[in-house]
């Protein structure tokens, strides 16, 4: 994985993202962080947006 970031954003009335702020992106995260993130979010690889509510 090249980078990992958790952000906060807003959506419009059509449920489309307007903007997202990523305060502390991680460049080249270590595998332990990736594995922990995947376990919590269901991440399986690739470039995705995963909405946490």
N, C-alpha and C. Protein backbone atom coordinates (compact mmCIF):
# COMPACT_ATOMS: atom_id res chain seq x y z
N UNK A 1 0.85 -1.17 0.00
CA UNK A 1 0.00 0.00 0.00
C UNK A 1 0.90 1.23 0.00
N UNK A 2 0.56 2.16 -0.86
CA UNK A 2 1.36 3.38 -1.00
C UNK A 2 1.07 4.40 0.11
N UNK A 3 -0.21 4.57 0.46
CA UNK A 3 -0.58 5.55 1.48
C UNK A 3 -1.91 5.15 2.12
N UNK A 4 -2.13 5.68 3.32
CA UNK A 4 -3.36 5.42 4.06
C UNK A 4 -3.74 6.71 4.77
N UNK A 5 -5.03 7.07 4.68
CA UNK A 5 -5.47 8.29 5.35
C UNK A 5 -6.91 8.13 5.82
N UNK A 6 -7.20 8.73 6.93
CA UNK A 6 -8.56 8.79 7.46
C UNK A 6 -8.95 10.26 7.49
N UNK A 7 -10.09 10.56 6.91
CA UNK A 7 -10.49 11.96 6.83
C UNK A 7 -11.92 12.18 7.26
N UNK A 8 -12.28 13.44 7.29
CA UNK A 8 -13.65 13.85 7.61
C UNK A 8 -14.14 14.71 6.45
N UNK A 9 -15.38 14.48 6.03
CA UNK A 9 -15.88 15.21 4.88
C UNK A 9 -17.36 15.50 4.96
N UNK A 10 -17.83 16.19 3.93
CA UNK A 10 -19.25 16.51 3.83
C UNK A 10 -19.78 16.03 2.48
N UNK A 11 -21.07 15.71 2.47
CA UNK A 11 -21.74 15.27 1.25
C UNK A 11 -22.91 16.20 0.94
N UNK A 12 -23.30 16.21 -0.32
CA UNK A 12 -24.46 17.00 -0.70
C UNK A 12 -25.74 16.17 -0.53
N UNK A 13 -26.87 16.73 -0.89
CA UNK A 13 -28.14 16.03 -0.69
C UNK A 13 -28.28 14.79 -1.57
N UNK A 14 -27.41 14.65 -2.59
CA UNK A 14 -27.41 13.47 -3.45
C UNK A 14 -26.41 12.42 -2.99
N UNK A 15 -25.88 12.59 -1.78
CA UNK A 15 -24.93 11.66 -1.17
C UNK A 15 -23.59 11.60 -1.91
N UNK A 16 -23.22 12.71 -2.57
CA UNK A 16 -21.94 12.80 -3.26
C UNK A 16 -20.97 13.60 -2.39
N UNK A 17 -19.70 13.16 -2.35
CA UNK A 17 -18.70 13.87 -1.56
C UNK A 17 -18.46 15.26 -2.13
N UNK A 18 -18.45 16.25 -1.27
CA UNK A 18 -18.12 17.61 -1.66
C UNK A 18 -16.64 17.89 -1.41
N UNK A 19 -16.17 17.52 -0.23
CA UNK A 19 -14.76 17.67 0.10
C UNK A 19 -14.45 16.76 1.28
N UNK A 20 -13.16 16.42 1.38
CA UNK A 20 -12.69 15.59 2.49
C UNK A 20 -11.34 16.15 2.93
N UNK A 21 -11.16 16.27 4.24
CA UNK A 21 -9.89 16.73 4.82
C UNK A 21 -9.20 15.54 5.46
N UNK A 22 -7.96 15.29 5.05
CA UNK A 22 -7.15 14.21 5.61
C UNK A 22 -6.01 14.83 6.41
N UNK A 23 -6.15 14.95 7.74
CA UNK A 23 -5.18 15.69 8.54
C UNK A 23 -3.80 15.04 8.66
N UNK A 24 -3.71 13.70 8.64
CA UNK A 24 -2.41 13.05 8.82
C UNK A 24 -2.29 11.80 7.96
N UNK A 25 -2.15 11.97 6.63
CA UNK A 25 -1.99 10.79 5.79
C UNK A 25 -0.67 10.08 6.12
N UNK A 26 -0.66 8.77 5.95
CA UNK A 26 0.53 7.97 6.25
C UNK A 26 1.10 7.46 4.93
N UNK A 27 2.34 7.83 4.62
CA UNK A 27 3.03 7.39 3.41
C UNK A 27 3.75 6.09 3.70
N UNK A 28 3.51 5.07 2.89
CA UNK A 28 4.10 3.74 3.05
C UNK A 28 3.87 3.18 4.46
N UNK A 29 2.60 2.97 4.84
CA UNK A 29 2.31 2.44 6.18
C UNK A 29 2.86 1.02 6.34
N UNK A 30 3.27 0.67 7.55
CA UNK A 30 3.78 -0.69 7.76
C UNK A 30 2.62 -1.69 7.76
N UNK A 31 2.96 -2.93 7.53
CA UNK A 31 1.95 -3.97 7.34
C UNK A 31 1.04 -4.15 8.56
N UNK A 32 1.56 -3.95 9.76
CA UNK A 32 0.73 -4.09 10.96
C UNK A 32 -0.42 -3.07 10.95
N UNK A 33 -0.15 -1.84 10.54
CA UNK A 33 -1.19 -0.82 10.45
C UNK A 33 -2.20 -1.18 9.37
N UNK A 34 -1.73 -1.65 8.24
CA UNK A 34 -2.63 -2.05 7.15
C UNK A 34 -3.54 -3.19 7.61
N UNK A 35 -2.95 -4.18 8.27
CA UNK A 35 -3.73 -5.33 8.76
C UNK A 35 -4.78 -4.90 9.78
N UNK A 36 -4.42 -4.01 10.68
CA UNK A 36 -5.37 -3.51 11.68
C UNK A 36 -6.51 -2.75 11.02
N UNK A 37 -6.17 -1.90 10.08
CA UNK A 37 -7.17 -1.12 9.35
C UNK A 37 -8.10 -2.04 8.57
N UNK A 38 -7.54 -3.05 7.92
CA UNK A 38 -8.35 -3.99 7.14
C UNK A 38 -9.30 -4.78 8.02
N UNK A 39 -8.84 -5.17 9.20
CA UNK A 39 -9.68 -5.95 10.12
C UNK A 39 -10.90 -5.14 10.58
N UNK A 40 -10.73 -3.85 10.77
CA UNK A 40 -11.82 -2.99 11.25
C UNK A 40 -12.77 -2.58 10.12
N UNK A 41 -12.22 -2.34 8.93
CA UNK A 41 -13.03 -1.76 7.85
C UNK A 41 -13.45 -2.74 6.77
N UNK A 42 -12.84 -3.91 6.71
CA UNK A 42 -13.13 -4.85 5.64
C UNK A 42 -12.36 -4.56 4.37
N UNK A 43 -11.34 -3.72 4.44
CA UNK A 43 -10.50 -3.38 3.29
C UNK A 43 -9.86 -4.64 2.72
N UNK A 44 -9.93 -4.82 1.39
CA UNK A 44 -9.36 -6.00 0.75
C UNK A 44 -8.28 -5.67 -0.27
N UNK A 45 -7.95 -4.41 -0.42
CA UNK A 45 -6.90 -4.01 -1.35
C UNK A 45 -7.42 -3.02 -2.39
N UNK A 46 -6.50 -2.31 -2.99
CA UNK A 46 -6.85 -1.34 -4.02
C UNK A 46 -7.18 0.03 -3.47
N UNK A 47 -7.57 0.91 -4.37
CA UNK A 47 -7.88 2.29 -4.04
C UNK A 47 -9.37 2.41 -3.76
N UNK A 48 -9.73 2.71 -2.53
CA UNK A 48 -11.14 2.74 -2.14
C UNK A 48 -11.44 3.90 -1.20
N UNK A 49 -12.69 4.27 -1.20
CA UNK A 49 -13.21 5.11 -0.12
C UNK A 49 -14.06 4.19 0.74
N UNK A 50 -13.81 4.21 2.01
CA UNK A 50 -14.56 3.37 2.95
C UNK A 50 -15.22 4.31 3.94
N UNK A 51 -16.53 4.36 3.90
CA UNK A 51 -17.25 5.29 4.77
C UNK A 51 -17.51 4.64 6.12
N UNK A 52 -17.05 5.30 7.16
CA UNK A 52 -17.29 4.86 8.53
C UNK A 52 -18.33 5.78 9.14
N UNK A 53 -19.34 5.22 9.77
CA UNK A 53 -20.38 6.06 10.36
C UNK A 53 -20.54 5.74 11.82
